[in-house]
Amino acid sequence: MYKPLIAKSAMRIYIYGYQAEDLIQIGGIALINAVNKYDCDKNIPFTSYAKKAIQNSFNKELRKVIGKKDNEKFSYSLNSLNKYGVEVIEALESEENVEETAILKEEIALLKVALNSLSPDEKEILDWFYFRQRTLKEYAEVKGLNRTTVVKRKTRAIEKLRKFF
């Protein structure tokens, strides 16, 4: 009876590092605890009590994660090497952000691979829509295609690109 309530509550919150199933489990445990702690004499509907207990358990978990992240921020030496083999203190002194540059290069390479996986028609549709800022209806009229067909091709192209990211 309360599974949909737990699932709905779990889908409304995002906690870094947690899957939806993890949050549903936390909500289930909170519901069990709510059943054990509920006082019938207070004239509070159990559903309201359960909602609040589930939300409080998510908030408690969120505070724990935030606390861990804050502790992790300061748990390394400035003389230690980062993943690029550069001392952290040197990277901090540098105006150039090495990590962001490396990430950007990786993303550009991945984007090139993703774009090369598209057919020429798919590339043309995306170019028409995103770069020329024209409508798909206009594209369909110019190419003599049905608008629905063009929409499906665009959707398929976007789905192909998303698989890479």
C-alpha atoms as a PDB file:
ATOM      1  CA  MET A   1       0.000   0.000   0.000  1.00  0.00           C
ATOM      2  CA  TYR A   2       2.875   2.381   0.750  1.00  0.00           C
ATOM      3  CA  LYS A   3       5.268   1.259  -2.006  1.00  0.00           C
ATOM      4  CA  PRO A   4       4.025   3.932  -4.450  1.00  0.00           C
ATOM      5  CA  LEU A   5       4.440   6.591  -1.748  1.00  0.00           C
ATOM      6  CA  ILE A   6       8.026   5.491  -1.126  1.00  0.00           C
ATOM      7  CA  ALA A   7       8.813   5.318  -4.849  1.00  0.00           C
ATOM      8  CA  LYS A   8       7.312   8.748  -5.521  1.00  0.00           C
ATOM      9  CA  SER A   9       9.253  10.271  -2.632  1.00  0.00           C
ATOM     10  CA  ALA A  10      12.466   8.603  -3.831  1.00  0.00           C
ATOM     11  CA  MET A  11      12.034   9.982  -7.346  1.00  0.00           C
ATOM     12  CA  ARG A  12      11.690  13.535  -6.032  1.00  0.00           C
ATOM     13  CA  ILE A  13      15.164  13.627  -4.518  1.00  0.00           C
ATOM     14  CA  TYR A  14      18.667  13.195  -5.904  1.00  0.00           C
ATOM     15  CA  ILE A  15      21.541  12.164  -3.688  1.00  0.00           C
ATOM     16  CA  TYR A  16      24.955  11.899  -5.335  1.00  0.00           C
ATOM     17  CA  GLY A  17      26.083   8.279  -5.565  1.00  0.00           C
ATOM     18  CA  TYR A  18      22.679   6.765  -4.832  1.00  0.00           C
ATOM     19  CA  GLN A  19      20.470   4.872  -7.262  1.00  0.00           C
ATOM     20  CA  ALA A  20      16.675   5.054  -7.096  1.00  0.00           C
ATOM     21  CA  GLU A  21      16.633   1.536  -5.629  1.00  0.00           C
ATOM     22  CA  ASP A  22      18.895   2.676  -2.774  1.00  0.00           C
ATOM     23  CA  LEU A  23      16.531   5.514  -1.941  1.00  0.00           C
ATOM     24  CA  ILE A  24      13.534   3.170  -2.088  1.00  0.00           C
ATOM     25  CA  GLN A  25      15.291   0.879   0.409  1.00  0.00           C
ATOM     26  CA  ILE A  26      15.998   3.829   2.701  1.00  0.00           C
ATOM     27  CA  GLY A  27      12.343   4.844   2.426  1.00  0.00           C
ATOM     28  CA  GLY A  28      11.226   1.292   3.236  1.00  0.00           C
ATOM     29  CA  ILE A  29      13.369   1.217   6.363  1.00  0.00           C
ATOM     30  CA  ALA A  30      11.986   4.621   7.350  1.00  0.00           C
ATOM     31  CA  LEU A  31       8.448   3.269   6.921  1.00  0.00           C
ATOM     32  CA  ILE A  32       9.214   0.282   9.156  1.00  0.00           C
ATOM     33  CA  ASN A  33      10.637   2.626  11.791  1.00  0.00           C
ATOM     34  CA  ALA A  34       7.569   4.860  11.431  1.00  0.00           C
ATOM     35  CA  VAL A  35       5.270   1.894  12.096  1.00  0.00           C
ATOM     36  CA  ASN A  36       7.223   1.077  15.254  1.00  0.00           C
ATOM     37  CA  LYS A  37       7.258   4.669  16.534  1.00  0.00           C
ATOM     38  CA  TYR A  38       3.730   5.736  15.518  1.00  0.00           C
ATOM     39  CA  ASP A  39       1.505   6.816  18.416  1.00  0.00           C
ATOM     40  CA  CYS A  40      -2.204   6.286  17.707  1.00  0.00           C
ATOM     41  CA  ASP A  41      -3.208   8.555  20.592  1.00  0.00           C
ATOM     42  CA  LYS A  42      -1.953  11.735  18.901  1.00  0.00           C
ATOM     43  CA  ASN A  43      -4.721  11.818  16.241  1.00  0.00           C
ATOM     44  CA  ILE A  44      -2.250  12.250  13.378  1.00  0.00           C
ATOM     45  CA  PRO A  45      -3.051  10.258  10.220  1.00  0.00           C
ATOM     46  CA  PHE A  46      -0.470   7.536   9.696  1.00  0.00           C
ATOM     47  CA  THR A  47       0.016   8.442   6.026  1.00  0.00           C
ATOM     48  CA  SER A  48       1.074  11.979   6.939  1.00  0.00           C
ATOM     49  CA  TYR A  49       3.359  10.619   9.628  1.00  0.00           C
ATOM     50  CA  ALA A  50       4.871   8.109   7.190  1.00  0.00           C
ATOM     51  CA  LYS A  51       5.451  10.768   4.488  1.00  0.00           C
ATOM     52  CA  LYS A  52       7.298  12.953   6.967  1.00  0.00           C
ATOM     53  CA  ALA A  53       9.349  10.011   8.275  1.00  0.00           C
ATOM     54  CA  ILE A  54      10.385   9.014   4.741  1.00  0.00           C
ATOM     55  CA  GLN A  55      11.318  12.591   3.823  1.00  0.00           C
ATOM     56  CA  ASN A  56      13.285  12.981   7.061  1.00  0.00           C
ATOM     57  CA  SER A  57      15.233   9.786   6.328  1.00  0.00           C
ATOM     58  CA  PHE A  58      16.165  11.114   2.870  1.00  0.00           C
ATOM     59  CA  ASN A  59      17.248  14.427   4.402  1.00  0.00           C
ATOM     60  CA  LYS A  60      19.346  12.581   6.988  1.00  0.00           C
ATOM     61  CA  GLU A  61      21.026  10.556   4.237  1.00  0.00           C
ATOM     62  CA  LEU A  62      21.651  13.734   2.246  1.00  0.00           C
ATOM     63  CA  ARG A  63      23.302  15.369   5.262  1.00  0.00           C
ATOM     64  CA  LYS A  64      25.550  12.307   5.672  1.00  0.00           C
ATOM     65  CA  VAL A  65      26.648  12.480   2.025  1.00  0.00           C
ATOM     66  CA  ILE A  66      27.303  16.220   2.227  1.00  0.00           C
ATOM     67  CA  GLY A  67      29.331  15.684   5.398  1.00  0.00           C
ATOM     68  CA  LYS A  68      31.433  12.995   3.717  1.00  0.00           C
ATOM     69  CA  LYS A  69      32.090  15.222   0.705  1.00  0.00           C
ATOM     70  CA  ASP A  70      33.189  18.096   2.944  1.00  0.00           C
ATOM     71  CA  ASN A  71      35.614  15.796   4.762  1.00  0.00           C
ATOM     72  CA  GLU A  72      36.975  14.402   1.482  1.00  0.00           C
ATOM     73  CA  LYS A  73      37.759  17.881   0.192  1.00  0.00           C
ATOM     74  CA  PHE A  74      40.515  18.367   2.764  1.00  0.00           C
ATOM     75  CA  SER A  75      41.789  14.809   3.128  1.00  0.00           C
ATOM     76  CA  TYR A  76      44.807  14.971   0.804  1.00  0.00           C
ATOM     77  CA  SER A  77      48.224  16.539   0.771  1.00  0.00           C
ATOM     78  CA  LEU A  78      48.991  19.460  -1.508  1.00  0.00           C
ATOM     79  CA  ASN A  79      52.253  17.712  -2.385  1.00  0.00           C
ATOM     80  CA  SER A  80      50.485  14.588  -3.652  1.00  0.00           C
ATOM     81  CA  LEU A  81      50.228  13.944  -7.372  1.00  0.00           C
ATOM     82  CA  ASN A  82      46.952  14.320  -9.236  1.00  0.00           C
ATOM     83  CA  LYS A  83      45.911  11.871 -11.955  1.00  0.00           C
ATOM     84  CA  TYR A  84      48.027  13.763 -14.504  1.00  0.00           C
ATOM     85  CA  GLY A  85      51.225  13.375 -12.465  1.00  0.00           C
ATOM     86  CA  VAL A  86      51.344  17.024 -11.403  1.00  0.00           C
ATOM     87  CA  GLU A  87      51.592  18.050  -7.760  1.00  0.00           C
ATOM     88  CA  VAL A  88      48.338  19.534  -6.539  1.00  0.00           C
ATOM     89  CA  ILE A  89      50.081  22.688  -5.326  1.00  0.00           C
ATOM     90  CA  GLU A  90      51.526  23.280  -8.824  1.00  0.00           C
ATOM     91  CA  ALA A  91      48.128  22.853 -10.446  1.00  0.00           C
ATOM     92  CA  LEU A  92      46.659  25.354  -8.000  1.00  0.00           C
ATOM     93  CA  GLU A  93      49.342  27.910  -8.806  1.00  0.00           C
ATOM     94  CA  SER A  94      48.862  27.497 -12.536  1.00  0.00           C
ATOM     95  CA  GLU A  95      46.350  29.756 -14.238  1.00  0.00           C
ATOM     96  CA  GLU A  96      45.607  26.977 -16.707  1.00  0.00           C
ATOM     97  CA  ASN A  97      43.256  24.310 -15.382  1.00  0.00           C
ATOM     98  CA  VAL A  98      44.832  21.032 -16.471  1.00  0.00           C
ATOM     99  CA  GLU A  99      41.905  18.867 -15.480  1.00  0.00           C
ATOM    100  CA  GLU A 100      39.292  20.925 -17.305  1.00  0.00           C
ATOM    101  CA  THR A 101      41.472  21.005 -20.412  1.00  0.00           C
ATOM    102  CA  ALA A 102      41.896  17.223 -20.357  1.00  0.00           C
ATOM    103  CA  ILE A 103      38.171  16.664 -19.829  1.00  0.00           C
ATOM    104  CA  LEU A 104      37.337  19.035 -22.667  1.00  0.00           C
ATOM    105  CA  LYS A 105      39.737  17.210 -25.012  1.00  0.00           C
ATOM    106  CA  GLU A 106      38.164  13.853 -24.085  1.00  0.00           C
ATOM    107  CA  GLU A 107      34.663  15.202 -24.670  1.00  0.00           C
ATOM    108  CA  ILE A 108      35.622  16.673 -28.056  1.00  0.00           C
ATOM    109  CA  ALA A 109      37.155  13.353 -29.146  1.00  0.00           C
ATOM    110  CA  LEU A 110      34.044  11.497 -27.994  1.00  0.00           C
ATOM    111  CA  LEU A 111      31.809  13.977 -29.812  1.00  0.00           C
ATOM    112  CA  LYS A 112      33.775  13.458 -33.039  1.00  0.00           C
ATOM    113  CA  VAL A 113      33.319   9.700 -32.766  1.00  0.00           C
ATOM    114  CA  ALA A 114      29.617  10.166 -32.018  1.00  0.00           C
ATOM    115  CA  LEU A 115      29.102  12.493 -34.983  1.00  0.00           C
ATOM    116  CA  ASN A 116      30.941  10.107 -37.304  1.00  0.00           C
ATOM    117  CA  SER A 117      28.474   7.377 -36.326  1.00  0.00           C
ATOM    118  CA  LEU A 118      25.611   9.412 -37.826  1.00  0.00           C
ATOM    119  CA  SER A 119      24.469   9.085 -41.410  1.00  0.00           C
ATOM    120  CA  PRO A 120      24.827  12.129 -43.700  1.00  0.00           C
ATOM    121  CA  ASP A 121      21.048  12.680 -43.546  1.00  0.00           C
ATOM    122  CA  GLU A 122      21.078  12.674 -39.744  1.00  0.00           C
ATOM    123  CA  LYS A 123      23.994  15.114 -39.679  1.00  0.00           C
ATOM    124  CA  GLU A 124      22.164  17.383 -42.107  1.00  0.00           C
ATOM    125  CA  ILE A 125      18.968  17.364 -40.021  1.00  0.00           C
ATOM    126  CA  LEU A 126      20.882  18.247 -36.838  1.00  0.00           C
ATOM    127  CA  ASP A 127      22.841  20.953 -38.664  1.00  0.00           C
ATOM    128  CA  TRP A 128      19.626  22.388 -40.092  1.00  0.00           C
ATOM    129  CA  PHE A 129      17.835  22.401 -36.734  1.00  0.00           C
ATOM    130  CA  TYR A 130      20.588  23.344 -34.258  1.00  0.00           C
ATOM    131  CA  PHE A 131      23.066  25.416 -36.243  1.00  0.00           C
ATOM    132  CA  ARG A 132      20.959  27.040 -38.929  1.00  0.00           C
ATOM    133  CA  GLN A 133      18.095  27.348 -36.429  1.00  0.00           C
ATOM    134  CA  ARG A 134      15.478  26.356 -38.953  1.00  0.00           C
ATOM    135  CA  THR A 135      12.403  24.246 -38.222  1.00  0.00           C
ATOM    136  CA  LEU A 136      12.022  20.596 -39.068  1.00  0.00           C
ATOM    137  CA  LYS A 137       8.901  21.510 -41.018  1.00  0.00           C
ATOM    138  CA  GLU A 138      10.999  23.742 -43.284  1.00  0.00           C
ATOM    139  CA  TYR A 139      13.545  20.958 -43.730  1.00  0.00           C
ATOM    140  CA  ALA A 140      10.777  18.510 -44.642  1.00  0.00           C
ATOM    141  CA  GLU A 141       9.363  20.925 -47.218  1.00  0.00           C
ATOM    142  CA  VAL A 142      12.764  21.566 -48.828  1.00  0.00           C
ATOM    143  CA  LYS A 143      13.606  17.853 -48.989  1.00  0.00           C
ATOM    144  CA  GLY A 144      10.076  16.778 -49.982  1.00  0.00           C
ATOM    145  CA  LEU A 145       9.655  14.567 -46.908  1.00  0.00           C
ATOM    146  CA  ASN A 146       6.877  14.061 -44.411  1.00  0.00           C
ATOM    147  CA  ARG A 147       7.438  16.161 -41.251  1.00  0.00           C
ATOM    148  CA  THR A 148       6.833  13.092 -39.052  1.00  0.00           C
ATOM    149  CA  THR A 149       9.609  11.240 -40.863  1.00  0.00           C
ATOM    150  CA  VAL A 150      12.014  14.116 -40.263  1.00  0.00           C
ATOM    151  CA  VAL A 151      11.080  14.272 -36.567  1.00  0.00           C
ATOM    152  CA  LYS A 152      11.714  10.527 -36.210  1.00  0.00           C
ATOM    153  CA  ARG A 153      15.095  10.840 -37.958  1.00  0.00           C
ATOM    154  CA  LYS A 154      16.107  13.712 -35.678  1.00  0.00           C
ATOM    155  CA  THR A 155      15.016  11.733 -32.611  1.00  0.00           C
ATOM    156  CA  ARG A 156      16.972   8.692 -33.801  1.00  0.00           C
ATOM    157  CA  ALA A 157      20.073  10.832 -34.374  1.00  0.00           C
ATOM    158  CA  ILE A 158      19.833  12.357 -30.893  1.00  0.00           C
ATOM    159  CA  GLU A 159      19.436   8.883 -29.365  1.00  0.00           C
ATOM    160  CA  LYS A 160      22.568   7.718 -31.192  1.00  0.00           C
ATOM    161  CA  LEU A 161      24.510  10.672 -29.799  1.00  0.00           C
ATOM    162  CA  ARG A 162      23.217  10.079 -26.272  1.00  0.00           C
ATOM    163  CA  LYS A 163      24.566   6.524 -26.312  1.00  0.00           C
ATOM    164  CA  PHE A 164      28.053   8.016 -26.390  1.00  0.00           C
ATOM    165  CA  PHE A 165      27.445  10.227 -23.379  1.00  0.00           C
END
